[in-house]
Amino acid sequence: FLYHALFVMNADKDVAAAEMIYVYKLAFRLGFSEAMTREFIDLLRDHTSDDMPKDAMLNIIRKYNN
């Protein structure tokens, strides 16, 4: 669910503050840390869904789940 919310947030290529707050609240309720969520948001701000490295999101998850 968080994965889809992140991509919807970046659909217009502009990540607004209200969208980030919503994603932080959603991620918190789903049990994700603030730091991990921040890295997801930063990743999506830096890349579009077309040019994002395939394993970029998985690398973030691996970093926090070890």
Protein backbone atom coordinates (compact mmCIF):
# COMPACT_ATOMS: atom_id res chain seq x y z
CA PHE A 1 0.00 0.00 0.00
CA LEU A 2 2.85 2.38 0.87
CA TYR A 3 4.53 1.57 -2.46
CA HIS A 4 1.46 2.71 -4.38
CA ALA A 5 1.01 5.82 -2.22
CA LEU A 6 4.62 6.82 -2.91
CA PHE A 7 4.18 6.54 -6.66
CA VAL A 8 0.84 8.38 -6.61
CA MET A 9 2.52 11.14 -4.63
CA ASN A 10 5.09 11.53 -7.41
CA ALA A 11 2.69 11.07 -10.34
CA ASP A 12 2.71 14.77 -11.23
CA LYS A 13 6.51 15.01 -10.74
CA ASP A 14 5.95 17.48 -7.89
CA VAL A 15 6.05 16.28 -4.30
CA ALA A 16 4.02 18.72 -2.23
CA ALA A 17 4.40 19.14 1.53
CA ALA A 18 0.83 17.95 2.16
CA GLU A 19 1.54 14.77 0.20
CA MET A 20 4.68 14.10 2.22
CA ILE A 21 2.82 14.54 5.49
CA TYR A 22 0.15 12.08 4.34
CA VAL A 23 2.78 9.51 3.34
CA TYR A 24 4.64 9.93 6.67
CA LYS A 25 1.39 9.35 8.59
CA LEU A 26 0.51 6.34 6.46
CA ALA A 27 3.99 4.85 6.81
CA PHE A 28 3.92 5.34 10.58
CA ARG A 29 0.59 3.51 10.82
CA LEU A 30 2.01 0.68 8.72
CA GLY A 31 5.06 0.39 10.98
CA PHE A 32 7.74 1.98 8.80
CA SER A 33 10.36 4.19 10.43
CA GLU A 34 10.55 7.89 9.69
CA ALA A 35 14.10 7.54 8.34
CA MET A 36 13.10 4.77 5.94
CA THR A 37 10.11 6.77 4.74
CA ARG A 38 12.31 9.83 4.23
CA GLU A 39 14.66 7.77 2.05
CA PHE A 40 11.72 6.51 -0.04
CA ILE A 41 10.46 10.06 -0.56
CA ASP A 42 13.94 11.34 -1.43
CA LEU A 43 14.37 8.50 -3.91
CA LEU A 44 11.10 9.36 -5.63
CA ARG A 45 11.92 13.06 -5.71
CA ASP A 46 15.24 12.29 -7.42
CA HIS A 47 13.88 9.76 -9.94
CA THR A 48 10.82 9.14 -12.05
CA SER A 49 9.34 5.67 -12.20
CA ASP A 50 11.01 5.24 -15.59
CA ASP A 51 14.60 6.04 -14.59
CA MET A 52 14.64 4.61 -11.06
CA PRO A 53 17.10 1.73 -10.59
CA LYS A 54 15.20 -1.54 -10.32
CA ASP A 55 16.46 -2.47 -6.88
CA ALA A 56 16.63 1.02 -5.32
CA MET A 57 13.57 0.56 -3.10
CA LEU A 58 14.63 -2.95 -2.11
CA ASN A 59 18.05 -1.65 -1.11
CA ILE A 60 16.38 0.81 1.27
CA ILE A 61 14.29 -1.99 2.78
CA ARG A 62 17.34 -4.21 3.16
CA LYS A 63 19.24 -1.42 4.87
CA TYR A 64 16.61 -1.07 7.60
CA ASN A 65 15.66 -4.72 8.00
CA ASN A 66 19.14 -6.08 8.74
